[in-house]
N, C-alpha and C. Protein backbone atom coordinates (compact mmCIF):
# COMPACT_ATOMS: atom_id res chain seq x y z
N MET A 1 0.86 -1.17 0.00
CA MET A 1 0.00 0.00 0.00
C MET A 1 0.91 1.23 0.00
N LYS A 2 0.62 2.16 -0.85
CA LYS A 2 1.43 3.37 -0.98
C LYS A 2 0.81 4.49 -0.15
N CYS A 3 1.64 5.17 0.63
CA CYS A 3 1.18 6.26 1.49
C CYS A 3 0.78 7.46 0.64
N PRO A 4 -0.44 7.97 0.83
CA PRO A 4 -0.86 9.14 0.05
C PRO A 4 -0.14 10.43 0.46
N ARG A 5 0.43 10.46 1.66
CA ARG A 5 1.09 11.67 2.14
C ARG A 5 2.53 11.76 1.65
N CYS A 6 3.35 10.70 1.90
CA CYS A 6 4.77 10.78 1.56
C CYS A 6 5.17 9.86 0.41
N LYS A 7 4.22 9.11 -0.13
CA LYS A 7 4.41 8.22 -1.29
C LYS A 7 5.37 7.06 -1.02
N THR A 8 5.54 6.67 0.26
CA THR A 8 6.38 5.53 0.61
C THR A 8 5.60 4.25 0.41
N GLU A 9 6.25 3.22 -0.15
CA GLU A 9 5.61 1.92 -0.32
C GLU A 9 5.70 1.16 1.01
N ASN A 10 4.55 0.69 1.51
CA ASN A 10 4.49 0.05 2.82
C ASN A 10 4.03 -1.40 2.79
N GLY A 11 3.90 -1.99 1.64
CA GLY A 11 3.45 -3.38 1.54
C GLY A 11 2.00 -3.49 2.01
N THR A 12 1.74 -4.34 2.99
CA THR A 12 0.37 -4.53 3.49
C THR A 12 0.11 -3.74 4.76
N ARG A 13 1.06 -2.93 5.20
CA ARG A 13 0.87 -2.14 6.42
C ARG A 13 -0.24 -1.12 6.23
N THR A 14 -0.95 -0.81 7.31
CA THR A 14 -1.99 0.21 7.24
C THR A 14 -1.52 1.54 7.84
N VAL A 15 -0.32 1.54 8.45
CA VAL A 15 0.28 2.76 8.99
C VAL A 15 1.61 2.95 8.28
N CYS A 16 1.86 4.13 7.76
CA CYS A 16 3.09 4.40 7.02
C CYS A 16 4.30 4.26 7.93
N SER A 17 5.31 3.53 7.46
CA SER A 17 6.51 3.32 8.25
C SER A 17 7.40 4.57 8.29
N LYS A 18 7.20 5.49 7.37
CA LYS A 18 8.03 6.69 7.33
C LYS A 18 7.40 7.86 8.08
N CYS A 19 6.14 8.18 7.76
CA CYS A 19 5.53 9.37 8.35
C CYS A 19 4.46 9.06 9.40
N GLY A 20 4.04 7.80 9.51
CA GLY A 20 3.06 7.44 10.53
C GLY A 20 1.62 7.71 10.15
N TYR A 21 1.36 8.03 8.90
CA TYR A 21 0.00 8.33 8.43
C TYR A 21 -0.84 7.06 8.44
N PHE A 22 -2.06 7.15 8.95
CA PHE A 22 -2.99 6.03 8.94
C PHE A 22 -3.63 5.95 7.56
N MET A 23 -3.27 4.91 6.82
CA MET A 23 -3.78 4.79 5.45
C MET A 23 -5.14 4.13 5.39
N TYR A 24 -5.55 3.50 6.46
CA TYR A 24 -6.86 2.85 6.51
C TYR A 24 -7.72 3.61 7.49
N HIS A 25 -8.81 4.14 7.05
CA HIS A 25 -9.74 4.86 7.91
C HIS A 25 -11.06 4.11 7.92
N PRO A 26 -11.43 3.53 9.05
CA PRO A 26 -12.69 2.79 9.09
C PRO A 26 -13.88 3.74 8.95
N ASP A 27 -14.79 3.37 8.09
CA ASP A 27 -16.02 4.13 7.95
C ASP A 27 -17.12 3.17 7.53
N VAL A 28 -18.25 3.67 7.21
CA VAL A 28 -19.41 2.84 6.87
C VAL A 28 -19.11 1.95 5.67
N ALA A 29 -18.38 2.45 4.70
CA ALA A 29 -18.11 1.66 3.49
C ALA A 29 -17.17 0.49 3.76
N ASN A 30 -16.32 0.57 4.78
CA ASN A 30 -15.32 -0.46 5.05
C ASN A 30 -15.81 -1.58 5.96
N ARG A 31 -16.87 -1.38 6.70
CA ARG A 31 -17.27 -2.40 7.66
C ARG A 31 -18.29 -3.36 7.05
N ALA A 32 -18.37 -4.55 7.64
CA ALA A 32 -19.31 -5.56 7.17
C ALA A 32 -20.72 -5.16 7.61
N HIS A 33 -21.69 -5.43 6.75
CA HIS A 33 -23.06 -5.09 7.07
C HIS A 33 -23.66 -6.13 8.01
N MET A 34 -24.42 -5.68 8.99
CA MET A 34 -25.03 -6.58 9.96
C MET A 34 -26.50 -6.81 9.60
N THR A 35 -26.97 -7.99 9.98
CA THR A 35 -28.39 -8.27 9.81
C THR A 35 -29.16 -7.54 10.90
N LYS A 36 -30.47 -7.52 10.78
CA LYS A 36 -31.29 -6.84 11.81
C LYS A 36 -31.12 -7.51 13.16
N GLY A 37 -30.98 -8.84 13.17
CA GLY A 37 -30.77 -9.56 14.42
C GLY A 37 -29.45 -9.20 15.07
N GLN A 38 -28.39 -9.14 14.27
CA GLN A 38 -27.08 -8.75 14.80
C GLN A 38 -27.11 -7.31 15.31
N GLN A 39 -27.78 -6.42 14.59
CA GLN A 39 -27.90 -5.03 15.01
C GLN A 39 -28.66 -4.92 16.33
N ALA A 40 -29.70 -5.74 16.49
CA ALA A 40 -30.47 -5.73 17.74
C ALA A 40 -29.61 -6.19 18.91
N VAL A 41 -28.77 -7.20 18.67
CA VAL A 41 -27.88 -7.69 19.73
C VAL A 41 -26.88 -6.60 20.12
N GLU A 42 -26.30 -5.92 19.14
CA GLU A 42 -25.36 -4.84 19.42
C GLU A 42 -26.03 -3.69 20.16
N ASP A 43 -27.25 -3.33 19.75
CA ASP A 43 -27.98 -2.27 20.44
C ASP A 43 -28.25 -2.65 21.89
N THR A 44 -28.60 -3.92 22.11
CA THR A 44 -28.86 -4.39 23.48
C THR A 44 -27.59 -4.28 24.33
N LYS A 45 -26.45 -4.62 23.76
CA LYS A 45 -25.18 -4.51 24.49
C LYS A 45 -24.90 -3.06 24.88
N ILE A 46 -25.12 -2.15 23.94
CA ILE A 46 -24.86 -0.73 24.19
C ILE A 46 -25.77 -0.20 25.30
N VAL A 47 -27.06 -0.53 25.21
CA VAL A 47 -28.02 -0.09 26.23
C VAL A 47 -27.66 -0.71 27.58
N GLY A 48 -27.27 -1.98 27.57
CA GLY A 48 -26.89 -2.65 28.82
C GLY A 48 -25.71 -1.98 29.48
N LYS A 49 -24.72 -1.55 28.69
CA LYS A 49 -23.56 -0.86 29.26
C LYS A 49 -23.96 0.47 29.88
N LYS A 50 -24.85 1.21 29.21
CA LYS A 50 -25.29 2.51 29.73
C LYS A 50 -26.07 2.33 31.03
N VAL A 51 -26.98 1.35 31.05
CA VAL A 51 -27.77 1.08 32.26
C VAL A 51 -26.86 0.63 33.39
N GLY A 52 -25.86 -0.19 33.06
CA GLY A 52 -24.90 -0.64 34.07
C GLY A 52 -24.16 0.52 34.70
N LYS A 53 -23.77 1.50 33.90
CA LYS A 53 -23.07 2.67 34.44
C LYS A 53 -23.98 3.46 35.37
N VAL A 54 -25.24 3.63 34.97
CA VAL A 54 -26.19 4.37 35.81
C VAL A 54 -26.36 3.66 37.15
N PHE A 55 -26.54 2.34 37.13
CA PHE A 55 -26.69 1.59 38.37
C PHE A 55 -25.43 1.65 39.22
N LYS A 56 -24.27 1.64 38.58
CA LYS A 56 -23.02 1.72 39.33
C LYS A 56 -22.93 3.05 40.09
N TYR A 57 -23.24 4.15 39.40
CA TYR A 57 -23.17 5.46 40.06
C TYR A 57 -24.26 5.60 41.12
N ALA A 58 -25.44 5.07 40.86
CA ALA A 58 -26.51 5.12 41.85
C ALA A 58 -26.11 4.33 43.09
N TRP A 59 -25.49 3.17 42.89
CA TRP A 59 -25.04 2.35 44.02
C TRP A 59 -23.97 3.08 44.83
N MET A 60 -23.05 3.76 44.14
CA MET A 60 -22.01 4.50 44.84
C MET A 60 -22.61 5.63 45.67
N ILE A 61 -23.57 6.35 45.11
CA ILE A 61 -24.20 7.46 45.84
C ILE A 61 -24.96 6.93 47.05
N LEU A 62 -25.72 5.85 46.86
CA LEU A 62 -26.46 5.26 47.97
C LEU A 62 -25.52 4.79 49.07
N THR A 63 -24.42 4.18 48.69
CA THR A 63 -23.43 3.72 49.67
C THR A 63 -22.85 4.90 50.45
N LEU A 64 -22.54 6.00 49.76
CA LEU A 64 -22.01 7.17 50.45
C LEU A 64 -23.03 7.76 51.42
N ILE A 65 -24.30 7.78 51.04
CA ILE A 65 -25.33 8.31 51.93
C ILE A 65 -25.46 7.45 53.17
N VAL A 66 -25.50 6.13 53.00
CA VAL A 66 -25.63 5.22 54.15
C VAL A 66 -24.40 5.31 55.05
N MET A 67 -23.22 5.34 54.45
CA MET A 67 -21.99 5.44 55.26
C MET A 67 -21.96 6.77 56.03
N SER A 68 -22.40 7.84 55.39
CA SER A 68 -22.43 9.13 56.08
C SER A 68 -23.40 9.10 57.25
N PHE A 69 -24.57 8.49 57.05
CA PHE A 69 -25.54 8.37 58.13
C PHE A 69 -24.93 7.64 59.32
N TRP A 70 -24.29 6.49 59.07
CA TRP A 70 -23.72 5.73 60.17
C TRP A 70 -22.56 6.45 60.83
N LEU A 71 -21.79 7.20 60.06
CA LEU A 71 -20.69 7.96 60.63
C LEU A 71 -21.21 9.06 61.56
N VAL A 72 -22.26 9.76 61.12
CA VAL A 72 -22.86 10.80 61.96
C VAL A 72 -23.47 10.17 63.21
N ALA A 73 -24.15 9.04 63.07
CA ALA A 73 -24.74 8.35 64.22
C ALA A 73 -23.66 7.93 65.21
N LEU A 74 -22.53 7.44 64.71
CA LEU A 74 -21.43 7.04 65.59
C LEU A 74 -20.85 8.25 66.32
N MET A 75 -20.70 9.37 65.60
CA MET A 75 -20.17 10.57 66.25
C MET A 75 -21.11 11.09 67.33
N VAL A 76 -22.42 11.04 67.08
CA VAL A 76 -23.40 11.47 68.09
C VAL A 76 -23.33 10.56 69.30
N TRP A 77 -23.20 9.26 69.07
CA TRP A 77 -23.12 8.30 70.18
C TRP A 77 -21.85 8.53 71.00
N VAL A 78 -20.71 8.76 70.33
CA VAL A 78 -19.44 9.00 71.02
C VAL A 78 -19.53 10.30 71.82
N MET A 79 -20.10 11.33 71.23
CA MET A 79 -20.25 12.59 71.95
C MET A 79 -21.16 12.42 73.17
N GLY A 80 -22.19 11.61 73.04
CA GLY A 80 -23.08 11.33 74.18
C GLY A 80 -22.34 10.60 75.28
N MET A 81 -21.45 9.70 74.91
CA MET A 81 -20.66 8.96 75.92
C MET A 81 -19.68 9.87 76.62
N ILE A 82 -19.09 10.84 75.89
CA ILE A 82 -18.12 11.75 76.48
C ILE A 82 -18.80 12.73 77.45
N VAL A 83 -19.99 13.21 77.08
CA VAL A 83 -20.70 14.19 77.90
C VAL A 83 -21.15 13.57 79.21
N ASP A 84 -21.56 12.31 79.15
CA ASP A 84 -22.04 11.65 80.39
C ASP A 84 -20.93 11.42 81.31
């Protein structure tokens, strides 16, 4: 494959060995077409990842709230023990 930038011959490489230009750019024309079933599976994976992130952050926030509650309760209890 010949580099369009520096005209160096690179054989089957997709990155020019001289200038580092990426000679292969993935786009719609270069990828294999998926069936509707395959597209549905990919869409499900993408939605699953997004939902997983939301649940992860919600779990972290809930954990911080519960830990803060118990920390404040412990401090109130310790202060009550010191005052008595």
